Amino acid sequence: MSVVATLALSVSCGSGNKYKAEPMPPRVQDGAPDKRAAMRAAAPHELELEVEHERWNYEAAEQVKEVENEKKAAKAKKAAQPPPPANAIGPMGSSGAAVPPTPPGATPQPPPPATTVPAN
């Protein structure tokens, strides 16, 4: 009888597992922001890295917004200014007449002095 019990036990155990676990899907690699956040969270609390991170992100966002507002204001100011008149006198006392461009490699020369005609 012990032979029959041993035989039955060995047959049932020897058949193997009928149910196989499904293989795990491949793990997605963490991105750099996720890695940095995990390291900040794992750091000792005394360092207060998460508090500093929140503070600096908020301040950086404010700075970006300020720069954008300054650019918009400068653009609006530039668009609001009327163009100068065509016959305005420039900073060197020359009229707004077209001056031929200086050829490459040449030294720019000042414009000739204005000639005045004496009244008779």
Protein backbone atom coordinates (compact mmCIF):
# COMPACT_ATOMS: atom_id res chain seq x y z
CA MET A 1 0.00 0.00 0.00
CA SER A 2 2.85 2.36 0.74
CA VAL A 3 4.16 1.69 -2.77
CA VAL A 4 0.83 2.75 -4.29
CA ALA A 5 0.76 5.94 -2.18
CA THR A 6 4.35 6.77 -3.08
CA LEU A 7 3.64 6.13 -6.75
CA ALA A 8 0.52 8.36 -6.69
CA LEU A 9 2.39 11.14 -4.88
CA SER A 10 5.35 11.06 -7.28
CA VAL A 11 3.08 11.13 -10.35
CA SER A 12 1.09 14.11 -9.08
CA CYS A 13 4.17 16.08 -8.05
CA GLY A 14 6.17 15.12 -11.09
CA SER A 15 3.68 16.47 -13.59
CA GLY A 16 4.82 20.06 -12.97
CA ASN A 17 2.88 23.29 -12.63
CA LYS A 18 -0.01 23.59 -15.08
CA TYR A 19 -0.34 27.33 -14.57
CA LYS A 20 2.58 29.53 -15.58
CA ALA A 21 2.76 33.12 -14.52
CA GLU A 22 2.69 35.64 -17.35
CA PRO A 23 6.07 37.23 -17.98
CA MET A 24 6.41 40.78 -16.76
CA PRO A 25 6.37 43.45 -19.48
CA PRO A 26 9.68 45.21 -20.10
CA ARG A 27 10.22 48.09 -17.68
CA VAL A 28 10.12 51.58 -19.09
CA GLN A 29 13.24 53.54 -18.28
CA ASP A 30 12.72 56.54 -16.02
CA GLY A 31 13.37 59.91 -17.57
CA ALA A 32 15.78 62.44 -16.08
CA PRO A 33 13.05 64.50 -14.35
CA ASP A 34 11.68 61.36 -12.70
CA LYS A 35 15.14 60.35 -11.49
CA ARG A 36 15.80 63.81 -10.02
CA ALA A 37 12.41 63.84 -8.28
CA ALA A 38 13.04 60.38 -6.81
CA MET A 39 16.47 61.41 -5.51
CA ARG A 40 15.02 64.60 -3.96
CA ALA A 41 12.28 62.59 -2.26
CA ALA A 42 14.78 60.02 -0.96
CA ALA A 43 17.15 62.63 0.46
CA PRO A 44 17.18 63.27 4.22
CA HIS A 45 14.45 65.67 5.33
CA GLU A 46 16.99 68.03 6.91
CA LEU A 47 18.20 69.05 3.45
CA GLU A 48 14.71 70.30 2.49
CA LEU A 49 15.41 69.69 -1.19
CA GLU A 50 11.75 69.49 -2.18
CA VAL A 51 10.97 72.83 -0.52
CA GLU A 52 13.92 74.47 -2.28
CA HIS A 53 12.90 72.90 -5.60
CA GLU A 54 9.35 74.27 -5.30
CA ARG A 55 10.67 77.70 -4.34
CA TRP A 56 13.14 77.96 -7.20
CA ASN A 57 10.68 76.63 -9.78
CA TYR A 58 8.17 79.28 -8.68
CA GLU A 59 10.75 82.07 -8.81
CA ALA A 60 12.07 80.93 -12.20
CA ALA A 61 8.53 80.94 -13.59
CA GLU A 62 8.03 84.48 -12.29
CA GLN A 63 11.28 85.61 -13.92
CA VAL A 64 10.28 84.10 -17.26
CA LYS A 65 6.91 85.83 -17.04
CA GLU A 66 8.57 89.18 -16.24
CA VAL A 67 10.91 88.87 -19.23
CA GLU A 68 7.97 88.05 -21.51
CA ASN A 69 6.02 91.05 -20.20
CA GLU A 70 9.04 93.33 -20.76
CA LYS A 71 9.40 92.10 -24.33
CA LYS A 72 5.69 92.67 -24.98
CA ALA A 73 5.88 96.18 -23.50
CA ALA A 74 8.96 97.04 -25.59
CA LYS A 75 7.27 95.71 -28.71
CA ALA A 76 4.09 97.70 -27.99
CA LYS A 77 6.14 100.84 -27.30
CA LYS A 78 8.07 100.41 -30.54
CA ALA A 79 4.86 99.92 -32.50
CA ALA A 80 3.29 103.01 -30.87
CA GLN A 81 6.12 105.39 -31.83
CA PRO A 82 5.54 107.17 -35.14
CA PRO A 83 8.35 106.98 -37.69
CA PRO A 84 10.58 110.08 -37.95
CA PRO A 85 9.84 112.50 -40.81
CA ALA A 86 11.66 111.78 -44.07
CA ASN A 87 13.48 115.14 -44.19
CA ALA A 88 14.59 115.18 -40.53
CA ILE A 89 18.12 116.20 -39.69
CA GLY A 90 20.20 113.34 -38.33
CA PRO A 91 22.60 113.34 -35.35
CA MET A 92 25.57 114.44 -37.48
CA GLY A 93 23.72 117.38 -38.97
CA SER A 94 23.12 115.64 -42.28
CA SER A 95 19.73 115.46 -43.85
CA GLY A 96 17.84 112.23 -44.16
CA ALA A 97 18.90 111.93 -47.80
CA ALA A 98 20.05 108.57 -48.96
CA VAL A 99 23.77 108.05 -48.48
CA PRO A 100 25.42 105.43 -50.66
CA PRO A 101 26.64 102.46 -48.62
CA THR A 102 30.33 102.15 -47.87
CA PRO A 103 31.98 99.41 -49.95
CA PRO A 104 33.36 96.46 -47.96
CA GLY A 105 36.87 97.06 -46.63
CA ALA A 106 36.67 100.85 -47.06
CA THR A 107 36.87 103.27 -44.18
CA PRO A 108 33.65 105.23 -43.75
CA GLN A 109 34.15 108.96 -44.29
CA PRO A 110 32.15 111.76 -42.68
CA PRO A 111 29.77 113.59 -45.01
CA PRO A 112 31.06 116.80 -46.60
CA PRO A 113 30.27 120.01 -44.74
CA ALA A 114 27.14 121.81 -45.77
CA THR A 115 27.87 124.73 -48.08
CA THR A 116 26.12 127.98 -47.46
CA VAL A 117 25.43 130.41 -50.23
CA PRO A 118 26.10 134.03 -49.21
CA ALA A 119 23.19 136.35 -49.70
CA ASN A 120 23.84 139.28 -52.14
